[in-house]
Amino acid sequence: MDGMSPIFRRGERRAEKSVTPERLVTLIGKPDCHLCEDAQEVVEKVCADLGVRWEKKDITQDEDLHREYWEQIPVVLVDGAQHTFWRVDEGRLRRALKA
């Protein structure tokens, strides 16, 4: 081996591009919402892979969030800006966090 190029065995994952740790993903949803549960799985996976913090907010516990997002949940914010709603696309979220 020349020491210049890494060799990856079949099934071994390459490390993800590092992301600034100050990034924050916010998942806004409500209890007993199957789309919210699906969205959380994607958010958890992508954030874990990239080392990004994430939080979950419940619209039933916050009047302002309820008023703003009740027709769109689940909603995903990236650094406070709306990224998507209803369905979370893993690749799109990953690209947004690497940008």
PDB file of N, CA and C in Angstrom:
ATOM      1  N   MET A   1       0.845  -1.173   0.000  1.00  0.00           N
ATOM      2  CA  MET A   1       0.000   0.000   0.000  1.00  0.00           C
ATOM      3  C   MET A   1       0.888   1.233   0.000  1.00  0.00           C
ATOM      4  N   ASP A   2       0.538   2.259  -0.796  1.00  0.00           N
ATOM      5  CA  ASP A   2       1.381   3.427  -0.954  1.00  0.00           C
ATOM      6  C   ASP A   2       1.158   4.501   0.106  1.00  0.00           C
ATOM      7  N   GLY A   3       0.152   4.363   0.935  1.00  0.00           N
ATOM      8  CA  GLY A   3      -0.122   5.350   1.978  1.00  0.00           C
ATOM      9  C   GLY A   3      -0.833   6.589   1.457  1.00  0.00           C
ATOM     10  N   MET A   4      -1.080   6.636   0.160  1.00  0.00           N
ATOM     11  CA  MET A   4      -1.702   7.807  -0.435  1.00  0.00           C
ATOM     12  C   MET A   4      -3.222   7.689  -0.525  1.00  0.00           C
ATOM     13  N   SER A   5      -3.734   6.514  -0.760  1.00  0.00           N
ATOM     14  CA  SER A   5      -5.177   6.385  -0.921  1.00  0.00           C
ATOM     15  C   SER A   5      -5.703   5.318   0.037  1.00  0.00           C
ATOM     16  N   PRO A   6      -6.762   5.664   0.783  1.00  0.00           N
ATOM     17  CA  PRO A   6      -7.316   4.685   1.727  1.00  0.00           C
ATOM     18  C   PRO A   6      -8.030   3.569   0.982  1.00  0.00           C
ATOM     19  N   ILE A   7      -8.031   2.410   1.572  1.00  0.00           N
ATOM     20  CA  ILE A   7      -8.738   1.267   1.006  1.00  0.00           C
ATOM     21  C   ILE A   7      -9.916   0.967   1.924  1.00  0.00           C
ATOM     22  N   PHE A   8     -11.081   0.852   1.319  1.00  0.00           N
ATOM     23  CA  PHE A   8     -12.281   0.550   2.085  1.00  0.00           C
ATOM     24  C   PHE A   8     -12.766  -0.829   1.701  1.00  0.00           C
ATOM     25  N   ARG A   9     -12.987  -1.645   2.707  1.00  0.00           N
ATOM     26  CA  ARG A   9     -13.532  -2.971   2.450  1.00  0.00           C
ATOM     27  C   ARG A   9     -15.009  -2.868   2.119  1.00  0.00           C
ATOM     28  N   ARG A  10     -15.524  -3.863   1.445  1.00  0.00           N
ATOM     29  CA  ARG A  10     -16.941  -3.892   1.091  1.00  0.00           C
ATOM     30  C   ARG A  10     -17.795  -3.717   2.348  1.00  0.00           C
ATOM     31  N   GLY A  11     -18.780  -2.822   2.262  1.00  0.00           N
ATOM     32  CA  GLY A  11     -19.693  -2.578   3.376  1.00  0.00           C
ATOM     33  C   GLY A  11     -19.175  -1.571   4.384  1.00  0.00           C
ATOM     34  N   GLU A  12     -17.932  -1.157   4.265  1.00  0.00           N
ATOM     35  CA  GLU A  12     -17.377  -0.179   5.202  1.00  0.00           C
ATOM     36  C   GLU A  12     -17.783   1.208   4.733  1.00  0.00           C
ATOM     37  N   ARG A  13     -18.256   2.042   5.645  1.00  0.00           N
ATOM     38  CA  ARG A  13     -18.713   3.386   5.277  1.00  0.00           C
ATOM     39  C   ARG A  13     -17.578   4.386   5.367  1.00  0.00           C
ATOM     40  N   ARG A  14     -17.527   5.260   4.404  1.00  0.00           N
ATOM     41  CA  ARG A  14     -16.574   6.359   4.458  1.00  0.00           C
ATOM     42  C   ARG A  14     -17.115   7.395   5.434  1.00  0.00           C
ATOM     43  N   ALA A  15     -16.225   8.080   6.105  1.00  0.00           N
ATOM     44  CA  ALA A  15     -16.645   9.113   7.047  1.00  0.00           C
ATOM     45  C   ALA A  15     -17.340  10.234   6.294  1.00  0.00           C
ATOM     46  N   GLU A  16     -18.423  10.747   6.866  1.00  0.00           N
ATOM     47  CA  GLU A  16     -19.138  11.868   6.282  1.00  0.00           C
ATOM     48  C   GLU A  16     -18.283  13.129   6.373  1.00  0.00           C
ATOM     49  N   LYS A  17     -18.531  14.043   5.464  1.00  0.00           N
ATOM     50  CA  LYS A  17     -17.892  15.348   5.519  1.00  0.00           C
ATOM     51  C   LYS A  17     -18.278  15.997   6.840  1.00  0.00           C
ATOM     52  N   SER A  18     -17.323  16.569   7.527  1.00  0.00           N
ATOM     53  CA  SER A  18     -17.633  17.166   8.817  1.00  0.00           C
ATOM     54  C   SER A  18     -18.497  18.408   8.640  1.00  0.00           C
ATOM     55  N   VAL A  19     -19.348  18.643   9.619  1.00  0.00           N
ATOM     56  CA  VAL A  19     -20.285  19.757   9.606  1.00  0.00           C
ATOM     57  C   VAL A  19     -19.998  20.609  10.818  1.00  0.00           C
ATOM     58  N   THR A  20     -20.170  21.903  10.666  1.00  0.00           N
ATOM     59  CA  THR A  20     -19.964  22.808  11.785  1.00  0.00           C
ATOM     60  C   THR A  20     -20.887  22.419  12.931  1.00  0.00           C
ATOM     61  N   PRO A  21     -20.358  22.189  14.141  1.00  0.00           N
ATOM     62  CA  PRO A  21     -21.181  21.708  15.244  1.00  0.00           C
ATOM     63  C   PRO A  21     -22.227  22.710  15.734  1.00  0.00           C
ATOM     64  N   GLU A  22     -22.141  23.957  15.318  1.00  0.00           N
ATOM     65  CA  GLU A  22     -23.127  24.941  15.753  1.00  0.00           C
ATOM     66  C   GLU A  22     -24.463  24.785  15.027  1.00  0.00           C
ATOM     67  N   ARG A  23     -24.519  23.963  14.005  1.00  0.00           N
ATOM     68  CA  ARG A  23     -25.764  23.757  13.254  1.00  0.00           C
ATOM     69  C   ARG A  23     -26.806  23.159  14.199  1.00  0.00           C
ATOM     70  N   LEU A  24     -28.064  23.482  13.936  1.00  0.00           N
ATOM     71  CA  LEU A  24     -29.155  22.955  14.751  1.00  0.00           C
ATOM     72  C   LEU A  24     -30.342  22.634  13.856  1.00  0.00           C
ATOM     73  N   VAL A  25     -30.832  21.418  13.990  1.00  0.00           N
ATOM     74  CA  VAL A  25     -32.042  20.988  13.297  1.00  0.00           C
ATOM     75  C   VAL A  25     -33.152  20.935  14.329  1.00  0.00           C
ATOM     76  N   THR A  26     -34.296  21.539  13.990  1.00  0.00           N
ATOM     77  CA  THR A  26     -35.461  21.524  14.876  1.00  0.00           C
ATOM     78  C   THR A  26     -36.583  20.789  14.173  1.00  0.00           C
ATOM     79  N   LEU A  27     -37.122  19.790  14.853  1.00  0.00           N
ATOM     80  CA  LEU A  27     -38.268  19.040  14.349  1.00  0.00           C
ATOM     81  C   LEU A  27     -39.490  19.496  15.121  1.00  0.00           C
ATOM     82  N   ILE A  28     -40.472  20.017  14.409  1.00  0.00           N
ATOM     83  CA  ILE A  28     -41.710  20.503  15.033  1.00  0.00           C
ATOM     84  C   ILE A  28     -42.825  19.538  14.659  1.00  0.00           C
ATOM     85  N   GLY A  29     -43.484  19.002  15.676  1.00  0.00           N
ATOM     86  CA  GLY A  29     -44.541  18.029  15.432  1.00  0.00           C
ATOM     87  C   GLY A  29     -45.482  17.955  16.607  1.00  0.00           C
ATOM     88  N   LYS A  30     -46.157  16.822  16.712  1.00  0.00           N
ATOM     89  CA  LYS A  30     -47.071  16.585  17.828  1.00  0.00           C
ATOM     90  C   LYS A  30     -47.108  15.099  18.119  1.00  0.00           C
ATOM     91  N   PRO A  31     -47.569  14.739  19.310  1.00  0.00           N
ATOM     92  CA  PRO A  31     -47.660  13.316  19.675  1.00  0.00           C
ATOM     93  C   PRO A  31     -48.658  12.565  18.777  1.00  0.00           C
ATOM     94  N   ASP A  32     -48.428  11.266  18.632  1.00  0.00           N
ATOM     95  CA  ASP A  32     -49.329  10.381  17.877  1.00  0.00           C
ATOM     96  C   ASP A  32     -49.494  10.803  16.424  1.00  0.00           C
ATOM     97  N   CYS A  33     -48.418  11.272  15.821  1.00  0.00           N
ATOM     98  CA  CYS A  33     -48.423  11.698  14.418  1.00  0.00           C
ATOM     99  C   CYS A  33     -47.441  10.800  13.674  1.00  0.00           C
ATOM    100  N   HIS A  34     -47.953   9.923  12.798  1.00  0.00           N
ATOM    101  CA  HIS A  34     -47.062   8.976  12.128  1.00  0.00           C
ATOM    102  C   HIS A  34     -46.058   9.670  11.208  1.00  0.00           C
ATOM    103  N   LEU A  35     -46.440  10.770  10.575  1.00  0.00           N
ATOM    104  CA  LEU A  35     -45.476  11.505   9.749  1.00  0.00           C
ATOM    105  C   LEU A  35     -44.367  12.111  10.611  1.00  0.00           C
ATOM    106  N   CYS A  36     -44.731  12.553  11.821  1.00  0.00           N
ATOM    107  CA  CYS A  36     -43.735  13.111  12.743  1.00  0.00           C
ATOM    108  C   CYS A  36     -42.742  12.032  13.180  1.00  0.00           C
ATOM    109  N   GLU A  37     -43.245  10.841  13.422  1.00  0.00           N
ATOM    110  CA  GLU A  37     -42.370   9.727  13.799  1.00  0.00           C
ATOM    111  C   GLU A  37     -41.426   9.375  12.652  1.00  0.00           C
ATOM    112  N   ASP A  38     -41.949   9.354  11.423  1.00  0.00           N
ATOM    113  CA  ASP A  38     -41.106   9.083  10.258  1.00  0.00           C
ATOM    114  C   ASP A  38     -40.035  10.160  10.111  1.00  0.00           C
ATOM    115  N   ALA A  39     -40.441  11.414  10.274  1.00  0.00           N
ATOM    116  CA  ALA A  39     -39.506  12.536  10.156  1.00  0.00           C
ATOM    117  C   ALA A  39     -38.418  12.442  11.220  1.00  0.00           C
ATOM    118  N   GLN A  40     -38.793  12.063  12.437  1.00  0.00           N
ATOM    119  CA  GLN A  40     -37.817  11.961  13.515  1.00  0.00           C
ATOM    120  C   GLN A  40     -36.759  10.900  13.201  1.00  0.00           C
ATOM    121  N   GLU A  41     -37.158   9.786  12.614  1.00  0.00           N
ATOM    122  CA  GLU A  41     -36.184   8.757  12.246  1.00  0.00           C
ATOM    123  C   GLU A  41     -35.134   9.316  11.287  1.00  0.00           C
ATOM    124  N   VAL A  42     -35.585  10.075  10.295  1.00  0.00           N
ATOM    125  CA  VAL A  42     -34.658  10.650   9.314  1.00  0.00           C
ATOM    126  C   VAL A  42     -33.759  11.688   9.982  1.00  0.00           C
ATOM    127  N   VAL A  43     -34.350  12.578  10.766  1.00  0.00           N
ATOM    128  CA  VAL A  43     -33.582  13.629  11.444  1.00  0.00           C
ATOM    129  C   VAL A  43     -32.540  13.009  12.368  1.00  0.00           C
ATOM    130  N   GLU A  44     -32.941  12.042  13.164  1.00  0.00           N
ATOM    131  CA  GLU A  44     -31.997  11.381  14.077  1.00  0.00           C
ATOM    132  C   GLU A  44     -30.834  10.759  13.314  1.00  0.00           C
ATOM    133  N   LYS A  45     -31.128  10.053  12.227  1.00  0.00           N
ATOM    134  CA  LYS A  45     -30.093   9.370  11.455  1.00  0.00           C
ATOM    135  C   LYS A  45     -29.114  10.356  10.836  1.00  0.00           C
ATOM    136  N   VAL A  46     -29.635  11.359  10.150  1.00  0.00           N
ATOM    137  CA  VAL A  46     -28.770  12.329   9.469  1.00  0.00           C
ATOM    138  C   VAL A  46     -27.943  13.115  10.488  1.00  0.00           C
ATOM    139  N   CYS A  47     -28.576  13.563  11.548  1.00  0.00           N
ATOM    140  CA  CYS A  47     -27.849  14.342  12.557  1.00  0.00           C
ATOM    141  C   CYS A  47     -26.782  13.502  13.250  1.00  0.00           C
ATOM    142  N   ALA A  48     -27.077  12.247  13.517  1.00  0.00           N
ATOM    143  CA  ALA A  48     -26.076  11.366  14.127  1.00  0.00           C
ATOM    144  C   ALA A  48     -24.905  11.151  13.174  1.00  0.00           C
ATOM    145  N   ASP A  49     -25.202  10.924  11.913  1.00  0.00           N
ATOM    146  CA  ASP A  49     -24.145  10.705  10.923  1.00  0.00           C
ATOM    147  C   ASP A  49     -23.229  11.920  10.792  1.00  0.00           C
ATOM    148  N   LEU A  50     -23.819  13.121  10.863  1.00  0.00           N
ATOM    149  CA  LEU A  50     -23.063  14.343  10.616  1.00  0.00           C
ATOM    150  C   LEU A  50     -22.609  15.055  11.888  1.00  0.00           C
ATOM    151  N   GLY A  51     -23.019  14.554  13.051  1.00  0.00           N
ATOM    152  CA  GLY A  51     -22.624  15.197  14.300  1.00  0.00           C
ATOM    153  C   GLY A  51     -23.302  16.538  14.527  1.00  0.00           C
ATOM    154  N   VAL A  52     -24.551  16.646  14.087  1.00  0.00           N
ATOM    155  CA  VAL A  52     -25.315  17.889  14.219  1.00  0.00           C
ATOM    156  C   VAL A  52     -26.314  17.754  15.362  1.00  0.00           C
ATOM    157  N   ARG A  53     -26.452  18.811  16.148  1.00  0.00           N
ATOM    158  CA  ARG A  53     -27.443  18.809  17.225  1.00  0.00           C
ATOM    159  C   ARG A  53     -28.848  18.919  16.628  1.00  0.00           C
ATOM    160  N   TRP A  54     -29.808  18.306  17.331  1.00  0.00           N
ATOM    161  CA  TRP A  54     -31.194  18.463  16.916  1.00  0.00           C
ATOM    162  C   TRP A  54     -32.072  18.519  18.148  1.00  0.00           C
ATOM    163  N   GLU A  55     -33.245  19.102  17.968  1.00  0.00           N
ATOM    164  CA  GLU A  55     -34.219  19.212  19.053  1.00  0.00           C
ATOM    165  C   GLU A  55     -35.611  18.942  18.493  1.00  0.00           C
ATOM    166  N   LYS A  56     -36.506  18.626  19.399  1.00  0.00           N
ATOM    167  CA  LYS A  56     -37.883  18.325  19.024  1.00  0.00           C
ATOM    168  C   LYS A  56     -38.796  19.283  19.781  1.00  0.00           C
ATOM    169  N   LYS A  57     -39.736  19.886  19.065  1.00  0.00           N
ATOM    170  CA  LYS A  57     -40.705  20.781  19.696  1.00  0.00           C
ATOM    171  C   LYS A  57     -42.111  20.297  19.379  1.00  0.00           C
ATOM    172  N   ASP A  58     -42.990  20.413  20.375  1.00  0.00           N
ATOM    173  CA  ASP A  58     -44.356  19.918  20.301  1.00  0.00           C
ATOM    174  C   ASP A  58     -45.310  21.102  20.135  1.00  0.00           C
ATOM    175  N   ILE A  59     -46.059  21.130  19.018  1.00  0.00           N
ATOM    176  CA  ILE A  59     -46.967  22.257  18.789  1.00  0.00           C
ATOM    177  C   ILE A  59     -48.122  22.295  19.789  1.00  0.00           C
ATOM    178  N   THR A  60     -48.394  21.175  20.453  1.00  0.00           N
ATOM    179  CA  THR A  60     -49.483  21.183  21.434  1.00  0.00           C
ATOM    180  C   THR A  60     -49.052  21.862  22.734  1.00  0.00           C
ATOM    181  N   GLN A  61     -47.755  22.145  22.859  1.00  0.00           N
ATOM    182  CA  GLN A  61     -47.229  22.783  24.065  1.00  0.00           C
ATOM    183  C   GLN A  61     -46.803  24.236  23.830  1.00  0.00           C
ATOM    184  N   ASP A  62     -46.991  24.743  22.601  1.00  0.00           N
ATOM    185  CA  ASP A  62     -46.520  26.084  22.265  1.00  0.00           C
ATOM    186  C   ASP A  62     -47.511  26.745  21.302  1.00  0.00           C
ATOM    187  N   GLU A  63     -48.243  27.754  21.795  1.00  0.00           N
ATOM    188  CA  GLU A  63     -49.273  28.418  20.988  1.00  0.00           C
ATOM    189  C   GLU A  63     -48.725  29.030  19.709  1.00  0.00           C
ATOM    190  N   ASP A  64     -47.561  29.667  19.799  1.00  0.00           N
ATOM    191  CA  ASP A  64     -46.982  30.307  18.618  1.00  0.00           C
ATOM    192  C   ASP A  64     -46.635  29.286  17.541  1.00  0.00           C
ATOM    193  N   LEU A  65     -46.002  28.182  17.947  1.00  0.00           N
ATOM    194  CA  LEU A  65     -45.679  27.130  16.986  1.00  0.00           C
ATOM    195  C   LEU A  65     -46.956  26.529  16.397  1.00  0.00           C
ATOM    196  N   HIS A  66     -47.961  26.314  17.231  1.00  0.00           N
ATOM    197  CA  HIS A  66     -49.231  25.762  16.765  1.00  0.00           C
ATOM    198  C   HIS A  66     -49.854  26.669  15.718  1.00  0.00           C
ATOM    199  N   ARG A  67     -49.904  27.946  16.009  1.00  0.00           N
ATOM    200  CA  ARG A  67     -50.507  28.925  15.100  1.00  0.00           C
ATOM    201  C   ARG A  67     -49.752  28.951  13.755  1.00  0.00           C
ATOM    202  N   GLU A  68     -48.440  28.892  13.808  1.00  0.00           N
ATOM    203  CA  GLU A  68     -47.626  29.007  12.597  1.00  0.00           C
ATOM    204  C   GLU A  68     -47.566  27.728  11.763  1.00  0.00           C
ATOM    205  N   TYR A  69     -47.540  26.550  12.419  1.00  0.00           N
ATOM    206  CA  TYR A  69     -47.226  25.321  11.694  1.00  0.00           C
ATOM    207  C   TYR A  69     -48.294  24.227  11.721  1.00  0.00           C
ATOM    208  N   TRP A  70     -49.437  24.423  12.362  1.00  0.00           N
ATOM    209  CA  TRP A  70     -50.354  23.309  12.589  1.00  0.00           C
ATOM    210  C   TRP A  70     -50.795  22.600  11.314  1.00  0.00           C
ATOM    211  N   GLU A  71     -50.825  23.273  10.175  1.00  0.00           N
ATOM    212  CA  GLU A  71     -51.234  22.624   8.929  1.00  0.00           C
ATOM    213  C   GLU A  71     -50.074  21.950   8.207  1.00  0.00           C
ATOM    214  N   GLN A  72     -48.860  22.132   8.676  1.00  0.00           N
ATOM    215  CA  GLN A  72     -47.698  21.647   7.946  1.00  0.00           C
ATOM    216  C   GLN A  72     -46.923  20.534   8.645  1.00  0.00           C
ATOM    217  N   ILE A  73     -47.242  20.190   9.874  1.00  0.00           N
ATOM    218  CA  ILE A  73     -46.387  19.261  10.619  1.00  0.00           C
ATOM    219  C   ILE A  73     -46.296  17.896   9.946  1.00  0.00           C
ATOM    220  N   PRO A  74     -45.162  17.273  10.088  1.00  0.00           N
ATOM    221  CA  PRO A  74     -43.969  17.762  10.763  1.00  0.00           C
ATOM    222  C   PRO A  74     -43.238  18.809   9.917  1.00  0.00           C
ATOM    223  N   VAL A  75     -42.600  19.725  10.616  1.00  0.00           N
ATOM    224  CA  VAL A  75     -41.815  20.776   9.987  1.00  0.00           C
ATOM    225  C   VAL A  75     -40.375  20.621  10.474  1.00  0.00           C
ATOM    226  N   VAL A  76     -39.441  20.791   9.567  1.00  0.00           N
ATOM    227  CA  VAL A  76     -38.028  20.743   9.934  1.00  0.00           C
ATOM    228  C   VAL A  76     -37.411  22.103   9.653  1.00  0.00           C
ATOM    229  N   LEU A  77     -36.761  22.648  10.679  1.00  0.00           N
ATOM    230  CA  LEU A  77     -36.013  23.885  10.538  1.00  0.00           C
ATOM    231  C   LEU A  77     -34.532  23.553  10.586  1.00  0.00           C
ATOM    232  N   VAL A  78     -33.754  24.230   9.775  1.00  0.00           N
ATOM    233  CA  VAL A  78     -32.301  24.116   9.830  1.00  0.00           C
ATOM    234  C   VAL A  78     -31.786  25.491  10.205  1.00  0.00           C
ATOM    235  N   ASP A  79     -31.156  25.573  11.358  1.00  0.00           N
ATOM    236  CA  ASP A  79     -30.648  26.845  11.883  1.00  0.00           C
ATOM    237  C   ASP A  79     -31.742  27.908  11.931  1.00  0.00           C
ATOM    238  N   GLY A  80     -32.953  27.490  12.293  1.00  0.00           N
ATOM    239  CA  GLY A  80     -34.070  28.411  12.475  1.00  0.00           C
ATOM    240  C   GLY A  80     -34.869  28.736  11.233  1.00  0.00           C
ATOM    241  N   ALA A  81     -34.413  28.313  10.066  1.00  0.00           N
ATOM    242  CA  ALA A  81     -35.132  28.562   8.814  1.00  0.00           C
ATOM    243  C   ALA A  81     -35.847  27.290   8.369  1.00  0.00           C
ATOM    244  N   GLN A  82     -37.075  27.451   7.870  1.00  0.00           N
ATOM    245  CA  GLN A  82     -37.831  26.275   7.450  1.00  0.00           C
ATOM    246  C   GLN A  82     -37.132  25.578   6.295  1.00  0.00           C
ATOM    247  N   HIS A  83     -36.896  24.292   6.484  1.00  0.00           N
ATOM    248  CA  HIS A  83     -36.241  23.456   5.472  1.00  0.00           C
ATOM    249  C   HIS A  83     -37.284  22.665   4.684  1.00  0.00           C
ATOM    250  N   THR A  84     -38.224  22.057   5.389  1.00  0.00           N
ATOM    251  CA  THR A  84     -39.234  21.229   4.734  1.00  0.00           C
ATOM    252  C   THR A  84     -40.416  21.012   5.670  1.00  0.00           C
ATOM    253  N   PHE A  85     -41.469  20.407   5.126  1.00  0.00           N
ATOM    254  CA  PHE A  85     -42.610  19.996   5.950  1.00  0.00           C
ATOM    255  C   PHE A  85     -43.229  18.748   5.342  1.00  0.00           C
ATOM    256  N   TRP A  86     -44.044  18.079   6.130  1.00  0.00           N
ATOM    257  CA  TRP A  86     -44.726  16.816   5.826  1.00  0.00           C
ATOM    258  C   TRP A  86     -43.774  15.636   5.697  1.00  0.00           C
ATOM    259  N   ARG A  87     -42.921  15.627   4.699  1.00  0.00           N
ATOM    260  CA  ARG A  87     -41.999  14.506   4.494  1.00  0.00           C
ATOM    261  C   ARG A  87     -40.570  15.034   4.476  1.00  0.00           C
ATOM    262  N   VAL A  88     -39.675  14.301   5.124  1.00  0.00           N
ATOM    263  CA  VAL A  88     -38.274  14.712   5.176  1.00  0.00           C
ATOM    264  C   VAL A  88     -37.468  13.816   4.257  1.00  0.00           C
ATOM    265  N   ASP A  89     -36.818  14.413   3.291  1.00  0.00           N
ATOM    266  CA  ASP A  89     -35.971  13.680   2.364  1.00  0.00           C
ATOM    267  C   ASP A  89     -34.560  13.636   2.948  1.00  0.00           C
ATOM    268  N   GLU A  90     -34.080  12.429   3.215  1.00  0.00           N
ATOM    269  CA  GLU A  90     -32.775  12.261   3.861  1.00  0.00           C
ATOM    270  C   GLU A  90     -31.651  12.929   3.075  1.00  0.00           C
ATOM    271  N   GLY A  91     -31.602  12.714   1.782  1.00  0.00           N
ATOM    272  CA  GLY A  91     -30.540  13.289   0.965  1.00  0.00           C
ATOM    273  C   GLY A  91     -30.581  14.806   0.952  1.00  0.00           C
ATOM    274  N   ARG A  92     -31.755  15.361   0.854  1.00  0.00           N
ATOM    275  CA  ARG A  92     -31.904  16.823   0.829  1.00  0.00           C
ATOM    276  C   ARG A  92     -31.467  17.429   2.160  1.00  0.00           C
ATOM    277  N   LEU A  93     -31.855  16.815   3.265  1.00  0.00           N
ATOM    278  CA  LEU A  93     -31.443  17.312   4.585  1.00  0.00           C
ATOM    279  C   LEU A  93     -29.937  17.207   4.750  1.00  0.00           C
ATOM    280  N   ARG A  94     -29.390  16.110   4.334  1.00  0.00           N
ATOM    281  CA  ARG A  94     -27.932  15.896   4.422  1.00  0.00           C
ATOM    282  C   ARG A  94     -27.183  16.973   3.615  1.00  0.00           C
ATOM    283  N   ARG A  95     -27.656  17.241   2.397  1.00  0.00           N
ATOM    284  CA  ARG A  95     -27.018  18.272   1.562  1.00  0.00           C
ATOM    285  C   ARG A  95     -27.132  19.653   2.202  1.00  0.00           C
ATOM    286  N   ALA A  96     -28.283  19.958   2.778  1.00  0.00           N
ATOM    287  CA  ALA A  96     -28.476  21.266   3.413  1.00  0.00           C
ATOM    288  C   ALA A  96     -27.518  21.455   4.594  1.00  0.00           C
ATOM    289  N   LEU A  97     -27.288  20.392   5.344  1.00  0.00           N
ATOM    290  CA  LEU A  97     -26.409  20.495   6.506  1.00  0.00           C
ATOM    291  C   LEU A  97     -24.942  20.551   6.112  1.00  0.00           C
ATOM    292  N   LYS A  98     -24.604  20.043   4.943  1.00  0.00           N
ATOM    293  CA  LYS A  98     -23.215  20.094   4.482  1.00  0.00           C
ATOM    294  C   LYS A  98     -22.900  21.405   3.760  1.00  0.00           C
ATOM    295  N   ALA A  99     -23.932  22.133   3.353  1.00  0.00           N
ATOM    296  CA  ALA A  99     -23.740  23.375   2.581  1.00  0.00           C
ATOM    297  C   ALA A  99     -23.067  24.453   3.425  1.00  0.00           C
TER     298      ALA A  99
END
